[in-house]
Amino acid sequence: MNKIHNQPIHTRAIIIGGSIAGLLTARVLSDHFEEVLVIERDKLADKPVPRRGVPQSGQTHSIHQKGAEIIQELFPDLIWDFEHAGVIPCDLGSEMRWLFFGEWMKPNRSDVFVHWCDRPQLEWQIRQRVQAMPNVQLLDDCQVVELLTDASKEQVTGVTVRLPKEMGGKRPYMANLVVDACGRGSRVSQWVKQLDYPEVPVSEVKINLGYASGIFQLLENSNPDWKALLISAKPGLSQKLGLIYRMPNNQIKVLLAGWFGDHPPTDLEAYLQFARSLPQPDIYETLRTAKPLAPIKAYKLQSNKWNHFESAAKWPEGLCVVGDAVCSFNPSFGQGMTVAALHAVALGEQVQKLNHQGKGLAASGLSRRFQKEAAKIVNNPWMITTGEDLRFQEAEGPRPFSLPIIQNYLAQVFEIAHTNPAVAKQFFEVMTFMKEPPAFFQPVVLVPVLKHLAKKAFSPSSSRPEDGLNEPFHHNPVPMK
């Protein structure tokens, strides 16, 4: 990502939605517009608290390494720790204990990080910085009700906003560019349809996922040697997931999840029994002596959903869509905020190209070009997430002809990654958006996979990963940073 310090040449951009996707987009576009107006439906508090428009805000969240790097570059003064930003950096190889694909990953330093985070705290810290920018204005407790266009309906020229009662009625706001960042609940497809545009194609993989998070206090003498403990789901083994990450003051954030209607309850005893039903006892053993500090909060999501704005038969100029409003993934993969950050940067780059060419936004083709770029960003995490979800027979969605081949190859990669640090690092880098999936076919991965397959061919009675599942994980302590 290149830092941009050009003088703004466009008048106004409107961002619909003040979520992290909207705030990051506002920050990027502030380099290119005289004014950026963020319109948020929720009435925002002056402190970091969950809000109605983000019903999953109380759940466990994560940002992958690439997303964290983008946010740090956009906000250099944001201190990347739990006290200031609600963020816990965690080396995936050495600081996280992970039962993945039926077997424990061998601890090895990878220098590849996932960042567990408190969503309300991180969003609030970003919002404070965006609102402090002289050319950014945030209108909360206001709702966009329609798009405004020129007479031909080919150019979006602004939005109509329903204002708070004390401000009275509705008001039009004009703009050179309108960006929808309203997340999964976005109404942009309906608004475009009302303008007589054809329906937007949609891809969907149904998983009926439910998850629930809680905060607990560990015993005073409890000192786990991990920053995070993750037990992943695997077809044929378990349709459930459990995650713990450590916070300051010996507190932990816990998430339990289940696919296809097998959802974790919010009653404490039932929650503990759900943890006990995971294929390893480690999370249950940690929880059973911990003290709950807050009510357990649940959230449900029916499907991975991708709105193919890039493939729409017709699309208006002056309208772009970012983040979850384009594609919302199975949240257990933690991809949403990183994709939103990548979308914000890509949009800024598209506007910057027009700046270099000395062109305005009207009739520039920006919207169509950006949605194609946004789709490219979505494509890889979509393939990874839905490819893994579709390993379950219960998942409902299209299964490409090549899917079993890809799944089988990745299964070999995953098996090798348990004990091969180089393969594990490559896997972590793809997972955190630092590398593209073709990295799985580089010699550092391909050669071990071929050797692994050859060994299997000549050793048909070799043990399966499930053989040792009744044993909890034992390892040498790794000091907490």
Protein backbone atom coordinates (compact mmCIF):
# COMPACT_ATOMS: atom_id res chain seq x y z
CA MET A 1 0.00 0.00 0.00
CA ASN A 2 1.40 3.36 -1.01
CA LYS A 3 0.86 6.36 1.21
CA ILE A 4 -0.96 9.14 -0.61
CA HIS A 5 -0.66 12.80 0.26
CA ASN A 6 -2.09 14.48 -2.84
CA GLN A 7 -4.45 17.40 -2.49
CA PRO A 8 -8.10 16.30 -2.72
CA ILE A 9 -9.56 16.91 -6.18
CA HIS A 10 -13.10 15.62 -5.66
CA THR A 11 -15.83 17.34 -3.67
CA ARG A 12 -17.65 14.78 -1.51
CA ALA A 13 -17.73 11.05 -0.83
CA ILE A 14 -20.54 9.51 1.21
CA ILE A 15 -19.93 6.32 3.20
CA ILE A 16 -23.08 4.46 4.25
CA GLY A 17 -22.24 2.72 7.52
CA GLY A 18 -19.84 3.61 10.32
CA SER A 19 -18.51 0.12 10.95
CA ILE A 20 -14.83 -0.73 10.68
CA ALA A 21 -15.25 -1.19 6.91
CA GLY A 22 -16.86 2.25 6.61
CA LEU A 23 -14.33 3.94 8.87
CA LEU A 24 -11.32 2.50 7.03
CA THR A 25 -12.87 3.53 3.71
CA ALA A 26 -13.48 7.04 5.06
CA ARG A 27 -9.85 7.27 6.16
CA VAL A 28 -8.57 6.24 2.72
CA LEU A 29 -10.95 8.50 0.78
CA SER A 30 -10.11 11.49 2.97
CA ASP A 31 -6.90 11.74 0.92
CA HIS A 32 -8.90 12.29 -2.27
CA PHE A 33 -12.05 14.25 -1.36
CA GLU A 34 -12.61 17.69 0.09
CA GLU A 35 -15.28 16.17 2.33
CA VAL A 36 -16.08 12.62 3.44
CA LEU A 37 -19.47 12.12 5.06
CA VAL A 38 -20.08 8.92 7.04
CA ILE A 39 -23.76 8.18 7.70
CA GLU A 40 -24.47 5.69 10.49
CA ARG A 41 -27.90 4.39 11.48
CA ASP A 42 -26.97 3.69 15.12
CA LYS A 43 -26.78 6.40 17.75
CA LEU A 44 -23.14 6.15 18.75
CA ALA A 45 -21.92 6.23 22.33
CA ASP A 46 -18.86 8.23 23.38
CA LYS A 47 -17.20 5.09 24.72
CA PRO A 48 -16.39 1.60 23.38
CA VAL A 49 -19.59 -0.41 23.81
CA PRO A 50 -21.43 -2.94 21.61
CA ARG A 51 -24.07 -1.42 19.34
CA ARG A 52 -27.26 -2.63 17.74
CA GLY A 53 -25.99 -2.38 14.16
CA VAL A 54 -23.21 -4.87 14.93
CA PRO A 55 -25.06 -7.67 16.74
CA GLN A 56 -21.94 -9.84 16.65
CA SER A 57 -19.79 -7.15 18.31
CA GLY A 58 -19.76 -9.00 21.65
CA GLN A 59 -18.30 -12.10 20.02
CA THR A 60 -14.65 -13.04 19.66
CA HIS A 61 -13.04 -11.27 16.69
CA SER A 62 -9.71 -11.52 14.94
CA ILE A 63 -7.71 -9.58 12.38
CA HIS A 64 -5.20 -11.37 10.22
CA GLN A 65 -1.69 -10.05 9.80
CA LYS A 66 -2.31 -8.27 6.49
CA GLY A 67 -5.33 -6.43 7.85
CA ALA A 68 -3.41 -5.39 10.94
CA GLU A 69 -0.58 -4.01 8.83
CA ILE A 70 -3.03 -1.92 6.78
CA ILE A 71 -4.72 -0.49 9.88
CA GLN A 72 -1.36 0.33 11.45
CA GLU A 73 -0.28 2.16 8.31
CA LEU A 74 -3.53 4.13 8.13
CA PHE A 75 -3.35 5.04 11.82
CA PRO A 76 0.33 5.17 12.84
CA ASP A 77 -0.50 6.57 16.29
CA LEU A 78 -2.76 3.64 17.17
CA ILE A 79 -0.85 1.61 19.77
CA TRP A 80 -1.37 -2.01 18.83
CA ASP A 81 -2.02 -3.61 22.22
CA PHE A 82 -4.98 -4.60 24.36
CA GLU A 83 -4.98 -1.55 26.62
CA HIS A 84 -5.21 0.96 23.77
CA ALA A 85 -6.81 -0.92 20.87
CA GLY A 86 -8.24 -4.06 22.44
CA VAL A 87 -5.81 -6.21 20.44
CA ILE A 88 -3.81 -9.33 21.40
CA PRO A 89 -1.15 -10.27 18.81
CA CYS A 90 -0.50 -14.01 18.70
CA ASP A 91 2.16 -15.96 16.79
CA LEU A 92 0.23 -18.76 15.12
CA GLY A 93 3.10 -21.20 15.43
CA SER A 94 4.50 -20.69 18.93
CA GLU A 95 1.81 -18.92 20.96
CA MET A 96 -1.35 -20.72 19.85
CA ARG A 97 -2.12 -24.35 20.71
CA TRP A 98 -4.17 -25.61 17.81
CA LEU A 99 -5.97 -28.90 17.25
CA PHE A 100 -6.28 -28.58 13.49
CA PHE A 101 -7.58 -31.17 11.09
CA GLY A 102 -7.72 -33.73 13.88
CA GLU A 103 -4.19 -33.34 15.24
CA TRP A 104 -2.24 -30.92 17.42
CA MET A 105 0.06 -28.52 15.57
CA LYS A 106 3.66 -28.83 16.74
CA PRO A 107 4.73 -25.52 18.37
CA ASN A 108 7.27 -23.59 16.29
CA ARG A 109 7.85 -19.86 16.00
CA SER A 110 6.39 -18.67 12.69
CA ASP A 111 6.49 -14.84 12.87
CA VAL A 112 3.02 -14.93 11.34
CA PHE A 113 0.34 -13.35 13.52
CA VAL A 114 -3.35 -13.30 14.10
CA HIS A 115 -4.66 -10.46 16.29
CA TRP A 116 -7.48 -11.36 18.67
CA CYS A 117 -9.44 -8.24 19.44
CA ASP A 118 -12.22 -6.58 21.36
CA ARG A 119 -14.40 -5.33 18.49
CA PRO A 120 -16.09 -2.37 20.27
CA GLN A 121 -12.75 -1.10 21.59
CA LEU A 122 -10.97 -1.32 18.24
CA GLU A 123 -13.88 0.26 16.35
CA TRP A 124 -14.11 3.11 18.88
CA GLN A 125 -10.38 3.83 18.69
CA ILE A 126 -10.53 3.96 14.89
CA ARG A 127 -13.66 6.12 14.97
CA GLN A 128 -12.01 8.67 17.27
CA ARG A 129 -9.19 9.09 14.79
CA VAL A 130 -11.43 9.28 11.73
CA GLN A 131 -13.73 11.84 13.35
CA ALA A 132 -10.73 13.98 14.27
CA MET A 133 -9.82 14.38 10.61
CA PRO A 134 -10.75 17.91 9.44
CA ASN A 135 -12.49 16.82 6.24
CA VAL A 136 -14.47 13.90 7.71
CA GLN A 137 -17.94 14.29 9.23
CA LEU A 138 -19.91 11.49 10.88
CA LEU A 139 -23.71 11.69 11.10
CA ASP A 140 -25.10 9.10 13.51
CA ASP A 141 -28.72 8.21 14.26
CA CYS A 142 -29.40 8.81 10.55
CA GLN A 143 -30.60 6.29 7.98
CA VAL A 144 -30.08 6.25 4.23
CA VAL A 145 -33.39 5.34 2.58
CA GLU A 146 -32.62 5.60 -1.14
CA LEU A 147 -30.03 6.41 -3.78
CA LEU A 148 -30.26 9.58 -5.85
CA THR A 149 -29.33 9.50 -9.52
CA ASP A 150 -29.25 11.67 -12.61
CA ALA A 151 -32.17 11.57 -15.09
CA SER A 152 -30.72 8.57 -16.92
CA LYS A 153 -30.36 6.57 -13.66
CA GLU A 154 -26.86 5.69 -14.81
CA GLN A 155 -25.01 7.93 -12.34
CA VAL A 156 -25.56 7.87 -8.57
CA THR A 157 -25.43 11.47 -7.39
CA GLY A 158 -26.15 11.10 -3.67
CA VAL A 159 -28.53 9.66 -1.09
CA THR A 160 -31.69 10.57 0.76
CA VAL A 161 -31.24 10.46 4.53
CA ARG A 162 -33.88 10.12 7.22
CA LEU A 163 -32.73 12.45 10.00
CA PRO A 164 -33.46 12.23 13.74
CA LYS A 165 -36.85 13.60 14.79
CA GLU A 166 -35.38 16.77 16.26
CA MET A 167 -33.77 17.53 12.88
CA GLY A 168 -37.02 16.83 11.04
CA GLY A 169 -37.91 14.77 7.98
CA LYS A 170 -35.64 13.68 5.17
CA ARG A 171 -32.81 15.43 3.42
CA PRO A 172 -30.85 14.79 0.22
CA TYR A 173 -27.04 14.73 0.35
CA MET A 174 -25.18 15.00 -2.94
CA ALA A 175 -21.84 13.32 -3.64
CA ASN A 176 -19.34 12.42 -6.35
CA LEU A 177 -19.09 8.91 -4.92
CA VAL A 178 -21.32 6.80 -2.66
CA VAL A 179 -19.86 3.76 -0.88
CA ASP A 180 -22.02 1.15 0.84
CA ALA A 181 -20.33 -0.33 3.92
CA CYS A 182 -23.46 -1.54 5.69
CA GLY A 183 -22.33 -5.11 6.14
CA ARG A 184 -24.45 -8.21 5.72
CA GLY A 185 -27.65 -6.20 6.27
CA SER A 186 -26.95 -3.88 3.34
CA ARG A 187 -29.94 -2.83 1.24
CA VAL A 188 -27.89 -1.73 -1.75
CA SER A 189 -29.15 -4.59 -3.95
CA GLN A 190 -32.76 -3.54 -3.29
CA TRP A 191 -31.96 0.13 -3.93
CA VAL A 192 -30.37 -0.68 -7.26
CA LYS A 193 -33.28 -2.92 -8.18
CA GLN A 194 -35.65 0.00 -7.47
CA LEU A 195 -33.72 1.91 -10.12
CA ASP A 196 -34.74 -0.80 -12.63
CA TYR A 197 -31.38 -2.54 -12.62
CA PRO A 198 -31.33 -6.36 -12.89
CA GLU A 199 -30.87 -8.47 -9.77
CA VAL A 200 -27.34 -9.00 -8.55
CA PRO A 201 -26.14 -12.64 -8.77
CA VAL A 202 -25.50 -14.28 -5.39
CA SER A 203 -23.41 -17.28 -4.30
CA GLU A 204 -24.31 -18.93 -1.01
CA VAL A 205 -23.07 -21.87 1.05
CA LYS A 206 -25.45 -22.65 3.90
CA ILE A 207 -23.92 -23.84 7.17
CA ASN A 208 -26.43 -22.84 9.92
CA LEU A 209 -23.64 -21.75 12.26
CA GLY A 210 -24.22 -20.64 15.82
CA TYR A 211 -21.61 -19.36 18.22
CA ALA A 212 -21.44 -17.89 21.70
CA SER A 213 -18.76 -15.97 23.56
CA GLY A 214 -18.06 -15.29 27.22
CA ILE A 215 -15.39 -13.69 29.42
CA PHE A 216 -13.98 -15.64 32.36
CA GLN A 217 -11.49 -15.11 35.18
CA LEU A 218 -8.87 -17.82 35.62
CA LEU A 219 -7.76 -18.96 39.06
CA GLU A 220 -4.89 -17.00 40.57
CA ASN A 221 -2.48 -19.93 40.30
CA SER A 222 -3.53 -20.72 36.73
CA ASN A 223 -0.88 -19.70 34.21
CA PRO A 224 -1.36 -21.37 30.81
CA ASP A 225 1.68 -21.23 28.56
CA TRP A 226 -0.38 -20.28 25.49
CA LYS A 227 -1.91 -17.04 24.32
CA ALA A 228 -4.65 -18.87 22.47
CA LEU A 229 -6.08 -22.38 22.45
CA LEU A 230 -8.10 -23.49 19.42
CA ILE A 231 -9.91 -26.76 18.74
CA SER A 232 -11.17 -26.72 15.16
CA ALA A 233 -14.03 -28.65 13.60
CA LYS A 234 -13.33 -31.51 11.22
CA PRO A 235 -15.77 -33.63 9.19
CA GLY A 236 -16.02 -37.12 10.63
CA LEU A 237 -14.62 -35.93 13.94
CA SER A 238 -16.59 -32.93 15.15
CA GLN A 239 -18.93 -30.19 13.90
CA LYS A 240 -17.91 -27.99 16.80
CA LEU A 241 -15.19 -25.45 17.50
CA GLY A 242 -13.74 -23.97 20.64
CA LEU A 243 -11.38 -21.03 21.12
CA ILE A 244 -9.82 -19.29 24.11
CA TYR A 245 -7.49 -16.33 24.03
CA ARG A 246 -5.83 -14.73 27.04
CA MET A 247 -6.36 -11.13 28.05
CA PRO A 248 -4.60 -9.09 30.76
CA ASN A 249 -5.26 -9.74 34.46
CA ASN A 250 -5.54 -13.51 33.89
CA GLN A 251 -8.85 -13.15 32.07
CA ILE A 252 -9.85 -15.15 29.00
CA LYS A 253 -12.30 -14.65 26.13
CA VAL A 254 -13.99 -17.89 25.08
CA LEU A 255 -15.88 -18.74 21.92
CA LEU A 256 -17.74 -21.99 21.24
CA ALA A 257 -19.36 -22.67 17.87
CA GLY A 258 -21.34 -25.38 16.13
CA TRP A 259 -22.39 -26.04 12.55
CA PHE A 260 -25.76 -27.22 11.18
CA GLY A 261 -27.94 -26.31 14.13
CA ASP A 262 -25.74 -27.80 16.86
CA HIS A 263 -25.29 -24.45 18.55
CA PRO A 264 -23.74 -23.62 21.93
CA PRO A 265 -26.23 -22.49 24.61
CA THR A 266 -25.88 -19.39 26.78
CA ASP A 267 -26.71 -21.15 30.07
CA LEU A 268 -23.41 -21.57 31.90
CA GLU A 269 -23.72 -25.26 32.80
CA ALA A 270 -24.93 -26.17 29.31
CA TYR A 271 -22.13 -24.04 27.86
CA LEU A 272 -19.60 -26.04 29.85
CA GLN A 273 -21.12 -29.30 28.65
CA PHE A 274 -20.86 -28.08 25.07
CA ALA A 275 -17.15 -27.42 25.69
CA ARG A 276 -16.87 -30.88 27.19
CA SER A 277 -18.24 -32.39 23.97
CA LEU A 278 -15.32 -31.07 21.92
CA PRO A 279 -12.91 -33.77 20.70
CA GLN A 280 -10.30 -32.70 23.27
CA PRO A 281 -10.86 -31.79 26.95
CA ASP A 282 -8.44 -28.84 27.15
CA ILE A 283 -11.00 -26.03 26.79
CA TYR A 284 -13.45 -27.68 29.18
CA GLU A 285 -10.69 -28.26 31.76
CA THR A 286 -9.74 -24.58 31.52
CA LEU A 287 -13.34 -23.37 31.84
CA ARG A 288 -14.61 -25.61 34.62
CA THR A 289 -12.54 -23.82 37.29
CA ALA A 290 -12.86 -20.33 35.78
CA LYS A 291 -15.28 -17.68 37.01
CA PRO A 292 -17.71 -16.09 34.51
CA LEU A 293 -17.43 -12.30 34.43
CA ALA A 294 -20.27 -11.46 32.02
CA PRO A 295 -23.32 -13.12 30.46
CA ILE A 296 -22.61 -15.44 27.54
CA LYS A 297 -23.73 -13.87 24.24
CA ALA A 298 -24.89 -15.85 21.21
CA TYR A 299 -25.04 -15.09 17.50
CA LYS A 300 -26.18 -17.09 14.48
CA LEU A 301 -25.29 -17.00 10.80
CA GLN A 302 -26.98 -19.13 8.18
CA SER A 303 -24.51 -18.97 5.33
CA ASN A 304 -21.45 -17.68 3.57
CA LYS A 305 -22.88 -15.15 1.10
CA TRP A 306 -21.23 -13.40 -1.85
CA ASN A 307 -23.08 -10.67 -3.76
CA HIS A 308 -21.50 -10.63 -7.23
CA PHE A 309 -21.68 -6.91 -7.99
CA GLU A 310 -18.77 -7.44 -10.36
CA SER A 311 -20.96 -9.73 -12.49
CA ALA A 312 -24.09 -7.59 -12.49
CA ALA A 313 -25.45 -7.14 -16.02
CA LYS A 314 -25.64 -3.42 -15.37
CA TRP A 315 -24.25 -1.25 -12.56
CA PRO A 316 -24.53 2.50 -11.91
CA GLU A 317 -21.58 4.83 -11.93
CA GLY A 318 -20.69 6.54 -8.66
CA LEU A 319 -21.65 3.58 -6.43
CA CYS A 320 -19.22 1.15 -4.78
CA VAL A 321 -19.75 -1.60 -2.20
CA VAL A 322 -17.14 -2.82 0.31
CA GLY A 323 -16.63 -5.34 3.11
CA ASP A 324 -19.36 -7.68 4.32
CA ALA A 325 -21.86 -5.96 2.05
CA VAL A 326 -19.95 -7.66 -0.79
CA CYS A 327 -19.22 -10.94 0.93
CA SER A 328 -19.82 -12.24 4.45
CA PHE A 329 -17.86 -15.33 5.43
CA ASN A 330 -18.14 -17.99 8.07
CA PRO A 331 -16.81 -15.87 10.97
CA SER A 332 -14.84 -18.74 12.49
CA PHE A 333 -12.21 -18.07 9.80
CA GLY A 334 -11.84 -14.44 10.96
CA GLN A 335 -11.53 -12.94 7.47
CA GLY A 336 -14.09 -10.12 7.49
CA MET A 337 -12.11 -7.17 8.87
CA THR A 338 -9.03 -7.99 6.81
CA VAL A 339 -11.10 -8.14 3.61
CA ALA A 340 -12.68 -4.79 4.56
CA ALA A 341 -9.22 -3.24 4.98
CA LEU A 342 -8.09 -4.60 1.61
CA HIS A 343 -11.26 -3.23 -0.03
CA ALA A 344 -10.64 0.24 1.42
CA VAL A 345 -7.07 0.29 0.09
CA ALA A 346 -8.16 -1.00 -3.34
CA LEU A 347 -10.79 1.73 -3.64
CA GLY A 348 -8.24 4.39 -2.75
CA GLU A 349 -5.90 3.03 -5.41
CA GLN A 350 -8.64 3.17 -8.06
CA VAL A 351 -9.41 6.80 -7.21
CA GLN A 352 -5.70 7.61 -7.22
CA LYS A 353 -5.35 6.27 -10.77
CA LEU A 354 -8.03 8.71 -11.92
CA ASN A 355 -6.21 11.50 -10.10
CA HIS A 356 -3.00 10.73 -11.99
CA GLN A 357 -4.98 10.83 -15.24
CA GLY A 358 -6.61 14.11 -14.25
CA LYS A 359 -10.07 12.60 -14.62
CA GLY A 360 -13.22 13.17 -12.60
CA LEU A 361 -15.35 10.35 -11.25
CA ALA A 362 -18.42 10.82 -13.46
CA ALA A 363 -18.62 8.27 -16.28
CA SER A 364 -15.10 7.08 -15.42
CA GLY A 365 -15.93 3.40 -15.04
CA LEU A 366 -14.57 3.51 -11.49
CA SER A 367 -17.47 1.61 -9.93
CA ARG A 368 -17.29 -1.35 -12.29
CA ARG A 369 -13.48 -1.55 -12.08
CA PHE A 370 -13.52 -1.39 -8.31
CA GLN A 371 -16.15 -4.12 -7.93
CA LYS A 372 -13.99 -6.38 -10.08
CA GLU A 373 -11.02 -5.63 -7.82
CA ALA A 374 -13.18 -6.24 -4.74
CA ALA A 375 -14.21 -9.62 -6.18
CA LYS A 376 -10.56 -10.59 -6.73
CA ILE A 377 -9.88 -9.83 -3.06
CA VAL A 378 -12.88 -11.94 -2.02
CA ASN A 379 -12.12 -14.88 -4.30
CA ASN A 380 -9.28 -16.50 -2.35
CA PRO A 381 -10.79 -16.33 1.15
CA TRP A 382 -14.12 -17.48 -0.33
CA MET A 383 -12.47 -20.55 -1.85
CA ILE A 384 -10.68 -21.37 1.39
CA THR A 385 -13.68 -20.85 3.67
CA THR A 386 -16.37 -22.48 1.56
CA GLY A 387 -13.97 -25.25 0.48
CA GLU A 388 -13.55 -26.22 4.12
CA ASP A 389 -17.24 -25.81 4.96
CA LEU A 390 -18.15 -27.99 1.98
CA ARG A 391 -16.13 -30.84 3.44
CA PHE A 392 -19.25 -31.35 5.56
CA GLN A 393 -21.94 -33.26 3.67
CA GLU A 394 -24.60 -31.17 5.43
CA ALA A 395 -23.35 -27.93 3.85
CA GLU A 396 -25.64 -26.68 1.08
CA GLY A 397 -24.06 -24.99 -1.90
CA PRO A 398 -22.54 -25.56 -5.32
CA ARG A 399 -19.65 -28.02 -5.34
CA PRO A 400 -17.35 -27.35 -8.32
CA PHE A 401 -16.01 -30.38 -10.19
CA SER A 402 -12.47 -29.54 -9.04
CA LEU A 403 -13.40 -29.23 -5.36
CA PRO A 404 -12.57 -32.82 -4.27
CA ILE A 405 -9.14 -32.56 -5.93
CA ILE A 406 -8.37 -29.28 -4.14
CA GLN A 407 -9.73 -30.58 -0.84
CA ASN A 408 -7.62 -33.74 -1.07
CA TYR A 409 -4.46 -31.81 -1.87
CA LEU A 410 -5.05 -29.35 0.98
CA ALA A 411 -5.72 -32.27 3.33
CA GLN A 412 -2.18 -33.47 2.63
CA VAL A 413 -0.84 -29.95 3.22
CA PHE A 414 -2.67 -29.76 6.54
CA GLU A 415 -1.39 -33.16 7.68
CA ILE A 416 2.21 -32.22 6.88
CA ALA A 417 1.85 -28.78 8.51
CA HIS A 418 1.34 -30.42 11.90
CA THR A 419 5.03 -31.34 12.09
CA ASN A 420 6.78 -29.44 9.26
CA PRO A 421 7.52 -25.81 10.29
CA ALA A 422 8.18 -24.62 6.72
CA VAL A 423 4.87 -25.97 5.44
CA ALA A 424 3.07 -24.64 8.53
CA LYS A 425 4.52 -21.17 7.94
CA GLN A 426 3.38 -21.22 4.31
CA PHE A 427 -0.08 -22.26 5.45
CA PHE A 428 -0.20 -19.49 8.07
CA GLU A 429 0.90 -16.90 5.51
CA VAL A 430 -1.89 -17.85 3.11
CA MET A 431 -4.41 -17.90 5.95
CA THR A 432 -3.43 -14.39 7.08
CA PHE A 433 -3.49 -12.91 3.52
CA MET A 434 0.28 -12.47 3.41
CA LYS A 435 0.49 -14.83 0.44
CA GLU A 436 -1.90 -16.06 -2.25
CA PRO A 437 -3.13 -19.71 -2.34
CA PRO A 438 -0.73 -20.61 -5.21
CA ALA A 439 1.91 -20.61 -2.45
CA PHE A 440 0.58 -24.08 -1.59
CA PHE A 441 2.11 -25.30 -4.85
CA GLN A 442 5.59 -23.87 -4.33
CA PRO A 443 8.41 -26.43 -3.85
CA VAL A 444 8.57 -25.85 -0.09
CA VAL A 445 5.06 -27.35 0.11
CA LEU A 446 4.74 -29.41 -3.07
CA VAL A 447 7.81 -31.59 -2.46
CA PRO A 448 6.76 -32.63 1.08
CA VAL A 449 3.23 -33.32 -0.21
CA LEU A 450 4.53 -35.63 -2.94
CA LYS A 451 6.76 -37.46 -0.43
CA HIS A 452 3.82 -37.72 1.95
CA LEU A 453 1.59 -39.22 -0.74
CA ALA A 454 4.33 -41.68 -1.75
CA LYS A 455 4.75 -42.76 1.85
CA LYS A 456 1.02 -43.30 2.17
CA ALA A 457 0.96 -45.36 -1.02
CA PHE A 458 3.56 -47.76 0.38
CA SER A 459 2.28 -47.68 3.97
CA PRO A 460 -1.48 -48.29 3.73
CA SER A 461 -1.71 -49.23 7.40
CA SER A 462 -0.23 -45.96 8.66
CA SER A 463 -2.06 -44.44 11.59
CA ARG A 464 -4.62 -41.69 11.16
CA PRO A 465 -4.51 -38.34 13.04
CA GLU A 466 -7.58 -39.38 15.03
CA ASP A 467 -5.66 -42.20 16.71
CA GLY A 468 -4.38 -40.00 19.53
CA LEU A 469 -7.41 -37.78 20.07
CA ASN A 470 -8.22 -38.96 23.56
CA GLU A 471 -5.02 -37.41 24.89
CA PRO A 472 -4.85 -33.71 25.82
CA PHE A 473 -2.02 -31.62 24.48
CA HIS A 474 1.26 -31.75 26.42
CA HIS A 475 4.23 -29.60 25.54
CA ASN A 476 7.12 -27.60 26.92
CA PRO A 477 6.12 -24.19 28.24
CA VAL A 478 6.54 -21.22 25.91
CA PRO A 479 6.97 -17.94 27.86
CA MET A 480 4.24 -15.38 27.37
CA LYS A 481 5.39 -12.17 25.70
